[in-house]
C-alpha cells in the first residue's frame, strides 16, 4: 500500500507541475527553458508536460475542477512568473496546496484510483492521521 507521501511524489506533484508549466507558458508567455528552471525540472520534462505525455491527465483535469486548488495554483504561478524562481513564500504556498489536498481528502481520491482494493479501516486510520484526529 502506498503512503500519502508516495502518492504525492508519484501523482500529485507531477500533476501540479504540469498545470503550472502550462500556465506559465500559456498565460505568462515564459519559454520552456525558463519554466524548467523555475520548476526545478528539465526542459524535456516541461515539453512532456505540455504534450500530455508526463503527468496523469485525468488527475490534472480533476484538479482543474477544484476552484480552491486552482486559485492556489494561480497564485503560485503568479509568484513564479514574477520572481522566476522559488522563493520561501512560493514554497510555503506549495506546501499549503499539498496540505489542502490532504485535509480535503483529494489525495484519498487519487489513492483509490491507484489502489482500488484499500481496506476501509486503513482509510479511516489514515484520514485521522491526515487531519490530526488520530483514531
C-alpha atoms as a PDB file:
ATOM      1  CA  UNK A   1       0.000   0.000   0.000  1.00  0.00           C
ATOM      2  CA  UNK A   2       1.228   3.461  -0.873  1.00  0.00           C
ATOM      3  CA  UNK A   3       1.788   6.126   1.752  1.00  0.00           C
ATOM      4  CA  UNK A   4       0.330   9.620   1.254  1.00  0.00           C
ATOM      5  CA  UNK A   5       3.825  10.988   0.583  1.00  0.00           C
ATOM      6  CA  UNK A   6       4.333   8.368  -2.161  1.00  0.00           C
ATOM      7  CA  UNK A   7       1.042   9.359  -3.777  1.00  0.00           C
ATOM      8  CA  UNK A   8       2.128  12.984  -3.710  1.00  0.00           C
ATOM      9  CA  UNK A   9       5.523  12.177  -5.215  1.00  0.00           C
ATOM     10  CA  UNK A  10       4.219   9.815  -7.902  1.00  0.00           C
ATOM     11  CA  UNK A  11       0.972  11.538  -8.891  1.00  0.00           C
ATOM     12  CA  UNK A  12       0.063  14.816  -7.233  1.00  0.00           C
ATOM     13  CA  UNK A  13       3.345  16.737  -7.599  1.00  0.00           C
ATOM     14  CA  UNK A  14       3.749  15.833 -11.305  1.00  0.00           C
ATOM     15  CA  UNK A  15       0.118  16.863 -11.948  1.00  0.00           C
ATOM     16  CA  UNK A  16       0.638  20.219 -10.226  1.00  0.00           C
ATOM     17  CA  UNK A  17       3.884  20.750 -12.136  1.00  0.00           C
ATOM     18  CA  UNK A  18       2.065  20.028 -15.391  1.00  0.00           C
ATOM     19  CA  UNK A  19      -0.637  22.579 -14.565  1.00  0.00           C
ATOM     20  CA  UNK A  20       1.986  25.135 -13.562  1.00  0.00           C
ATOM     21  CA  UNK A  21       4.084  24.511 -16.676  1.00  0.00           C
ATOM     22  CA  UNK A  22       1.070  25.001 -18.916  1.00  0.00           C
ATOM     23  CA  UNK A  23       0.005  28.168 -17.098  1.00  0.00           C
ATOM     24  CA  UNK A  24       3.463  29.688 -17.081  1.00  0.00           C
ATOM     25  CA  UNK A  25       3.846  29.140 -20.810  1.00  0.00           C
ATOM     26  CA  UNK A  26       0.309  29.945 -21.983  1.00  0.00           C
ATOM     27  CA  UNK A  27      -0.701  32.702 -19.563  1.00  0.00           C
ATOM     28  CA  UNK A  28       2.671  34.261 -18.739  1.00  0.00           C
ATOM     29  CA  UNK A  29       4.465  33.676 -22.057  1.00  0.00           C
ATOM     30  CA  UNK A  30       7.524  32.127 -20.443  1.00  0.00           C
ATOM     31  CA  UNK A  31       9.837  29.934 -22.510  1.00  0.00           C
ATOM     32  CA  UNK A  32      10.164  26.220 -21.734  1.00  0.00           C
ATOM     33  CA  UNK A  33      13.750  26.736 -20.547  1.00  0.00           C
ATOM     34  CA  UNK A  34      12.653  29.392 -18.048  1.00  0.00           C
ATOM     35  CA  UNK A  35       9.769  27.245 -16.821  1.00  0.00           C
ATOM     36  CA  UNK A  36      12.139  24.303 -16.385  1.00  0.00           C
ATOM     37  CA  UNK A  37      14.484  26.421 -14.285  1.00  0.00           C
ATOM     38  CA  UNK A  38      11.638  27.871 -12.229  1.00  0.00           C
ATOM     39  CA  UNK A  39      10.129  24.429 -11.532  1.00  0.00           C
ATOM     40  CA  UNK A  40      13.487  22.734 -10.967  1.00  0.00           C
ATOM     41  CA  UNK A  41      12.971  20.214 -13.765  1.00  0.00           C
ATOM     42  CA  UNK A  42      14.424  19.668 -17.234  1.00  0.00           C
ATOM     43  CA  UNK A  43      13.213  21.377 -20.397  1.00  0.00           C
ATOM     44  CA  UNK A  44      12.356  17.897 -21.707  1.00  0.00           C
ATOM     45  CA  UNK A  45      10.070  17.346 -18.698  1.00  0.00           C
ATOM     46  CA  UNK A  46       8.331  20.654 -19.403  1.00  0.00           C
ATOM     47  CA  UNK A  47       7.878  19.614 -23.029  1.00  0.00           C
ATOM     48  CA  UNK A  48       6.400  16.293 -21.911  1.00  0.00           C
ATOM     49  CA  UNK A  49       4.004  18.062 -19.531  1.00  0.00           C
ATOM     50  CA  UNK A  50       2.859  20.310 -22.368  1.00  0.00           C
ATOM     51  CA  UNK A  51       2.307  17.379 -24.728  1.00  0.00           C
ATOM     52  CA  UNK A  52       0.465  15.424 -22.047  1.00  0.00           C
ATOM     53  CA  UNK A  53       2.922  12.530 -22.030  1.00  0.00           C
ATOM     54  CA  UNK A  54       4.014  13.232 -18.469  1.00  0.00           C
ATOM     55  CA  UNK A  55       1.663  13.711 -15.549  1.00  0.00           C
ATOM     56  CA  UNK A  56      -1.671  11.990 -15.052  1.00  0.00           C
ATOM     57  CA  UNK A  57      -4.040  13.785 -17.438  1.00  0.00           C
ATOM     58  CA  UNK A  58      -7.120  12.501 -15.613  1.00  0.00           C
ATOM     59  CA  UNK A  59      -5.761  13.847 -12.321  1.00  0.00           C
ATOM     60  CA  UNK A  60      -4.783  17.143 -13.965  1.00  0.00           C
ATOM     61  CA  UNK A  61      -8.350  17.506 -15.212  1.00  0.00           C
ATOM     62  CA  UNK A  62      -9.775  16.561 -11.812  1.00  0.00           C
ATOM     63  CA  UNK A  63      -7.585  19.103 -10.012  1.00  0.00           C
ATOM     64  CA  UNK A  64      -8.778  21.707 -12.504  1.00  0.00           C
ATOM     65  CA  UNK A  65     -12.331  21.140 -11.275  1.00  0.00           C
ATOM     66  CA  UNK A  66     -11.484  22.221  -7.707  1.00  0.00           C
ATOM     67  CA  UNK A  67     -11.783  26.007  -7.588  1.00  0.00           C
ATOM     68  CA  UNK A  68      -9.747  26.372  -4.394  1.00  0.00           C
ATOM     69  CA  UNK A  69      -6.934  24.225  -5.816  1.00  0.00           C
ATOM     70  CA  UNK A  70      -6.871  26.308  -8.990  1.00  0.00           C
ATOM     71  CA  UNK A  71      -6.915  29.571  -7.015  1.00  0.00           C
ATOM     72  CA  UNK A  72      -3.855  28.350  -5.120  1.00  0.00           C
ATOM     73  CA  UNK A  73      -2.154  27.188  -8.339  1.00  0.00           C
ATOM     74  CA  UNK A  74      -2.888  30.561  -9.974  1.00  0.00           C
ATOM     75  CA  UNK A  75      -1.298  32.342  -7.027  1.00  0.00           C
ATOM     76  CA  UNK A  76       1.781  30.116  -7.208  1.00  0.00           C
ATOM     77  CA  UNK A  77       2.062  30.623 -10.985  1.00  0.00           C
ATOM     78  CA  UNK A  78       1.862  34.389 -10.491  1.00  0.00           C
ATOM     79  CA  UNK A  79       4.677  34.245  -7.923  1.00  0.00           C
ATOM     80  CA  UNK A  80       6.825  32.017 -10.124  1.00  0.00           C
ATOM     81  CA  UNK A  81       6.314  34.208 -13.198  1.00  0.00           C
ATOM     82  CA  UNK A  82       7.225  37.335 -11.261  1.00  0.00           C
ATOM     83  CA  UNK A  83      10.247  36.014  -9.386  1.00  0.00           C
ATOM     84  CA  UNK A  84      11.448  33.449 -11.966  1.00  0.00           C
ATOM     85  CA  UNK A  85      12.405  31.256  -9.008  1.00  0.00           C
ATOM     86  CA  UNK A  86      11.018  29.567  -5.925  1.00  0.00           C
ATOM     87  CA  UNK A  87      11.004  31.954  -3.013  1.00  0.00           C
ATOM     88  CA  UNK A  88      10.284  30.997   0.591  1.00  0.00           C
ATOM     89  CA  UNK A  89       6.781  32.427   0.118  1.00  0.00           C
ATOM     90  CA  UNK A  90       6.198  30.376  -3.049  1.00  0.00           C
ATOM     91  CA  UNK A  91       7.465  27.245  -1.314  1.00  0.00           C
ATOM     92  CA  UNK A  92       5.086  27.912   1.582  1.00  0.00           C
ATOM     93  CA  UNK A  93       2.206  28.277  -0.880  1.00  0.00           C
ATOM     94  CA  UNK A  94       3.079  24.925  -2.487  1.00  0.00           C
ATOM     95  CA  UNK A  95       3.163  23.243   0.914  1.00  0.00           C
ATOM     96  CA  UNK A  96      -0.187  24.869   1.721  1.00  0.00           C
ATOM     97  CA  UNK A  97      -1.601  23.496  -1.565  1.00  0.00           C
ATOM     98  CA  UNK A  98      -0.434  19.940  -0.836  1.00  0.00           C
ATOM     99  CA  UNK A  99      -1.693  20.163   2.747  1.00  0.00           C
ATOM    100  CA  UNK A 100      -5.064  21.368   1.428  1.00  0.00           C
ATOM    101  CA  UNK A 101      -5.222  18.311  -0.830  1.00  0.00           C
ATOM    102  CA  UNK A 102      -4.541  16.095   2.188  1.00  0.00           C
ATOM    103  CA  UNK A 103      -7.019  17.751   4.560  1.00  0.00           C
ATOM    104  CA  UNK A 104      -9.822  17.805   1.987  1.00  0.00           C
ATOM    105  CA  UNK A 105      -9.039  14.175   1.129  1.00  0.00           C
ATOM    106  CA  UNK A 106      -8.391  14.894  -2.561  1.00  0.00           C
ATOM    107  CA  UNK A 107      -5.308  12.755  -2.059  1.00  0.00           C
ATOM    108  CA  UNK A 108      -7.581   9.889  -0.976  1.00  0.00           C
ATOM    109  CA  UNK A 109      -9.421  10.007  -4.303  1.00  0.00           C
ATOM    110  CA  UNK A 110      -6.071   9.769  -6.063  1.00  0.00           C
ATOM    111  CA  UNK A 111      -5.042   6.858  -3.865  1.00  0.00           C
ATOM    112  CA  UNK A 112      -8.256   4.945  -4.552  1.00  0.00           C
ATOM    113  CA  UNK A 113      -7.719   5.356  -8.295  1.00  0.00           C
ATOM    114  CA  UNK A 114      -4.222   3.893  -7.970  1.00  0.00           C
ATOM    115  CA  UNK A 115      -5.108   1.146  -5.474  1.00  0.00           C
ATOM    116  CA  UNK A 116      -8.786   0.253  -5.638  1.00  0.00           C
ATOM    117  CA  UNK A 117      -8.639  -2.541  -3.049  1.00  0.00           C
ATOM    118  CA  UNK A 118      -7.697  -0.478   0.018  1.00  0.00           C
ATOM    119  CA  UNK A 119      -9.127  -1.720   3.301  1.00  0.00           C
ATOM    120  CA  UNK A 120     -11.644   0.870   4.562  1.00  0.00           C
ATOM    121  CA  UNK A 121     -10.252   0.606   8.119  1.00  0.00           C
ATOM    122  CA  UNK A 122      -6.859   1.649   6.795  1.00  0.00           C
ATOM    123  CA  UNK A 123      -8.542   4.609   5.056  1.00  0.00           C
ATOM    124  CA  UNK A 124     -10.232   5.736   8.258  1.00  0.00           C
ATOM    125  CA  UNK A 125      -6.976   5.437  10.212  1.00  0.00           C
ATOM    126  CA  UNK A 126      -5.121   7.416   7.550  1.00  0.00           C
ATOM    127  CA  UNK A 127      -7.819  10.131   7.434  1.00  0.00           C
ATOM    128  CA  UNK A 128      -7.492  10.526  11.187  1.00  0.00           C
ATOM    129  CA  UNK A 129      -3.739  10.970  10.859  1.00  0.00           C
ATOM    130  CA  UNK A 130      -4.061  13.407   7.920  1.00  0.00           C
ATOM    131  CA  UNK A 131      -6.404  15.628   9.913  1.00  0.00           C
ATOM    132  CA  UNK A 132      -4.562  15.266  13.207  1.00  0.00           C
ATOM    133  CA  UNK A 133      -7.526  13.445  14.795  1.00  0.00           C
ATOM    134  CA  UNK A 134      -5.799  10.140  15.469  1.00  0.00           C
ATOM    135  CA  UNK A 135      -8.181   7.265  15.761  1.00  0.00           C
END
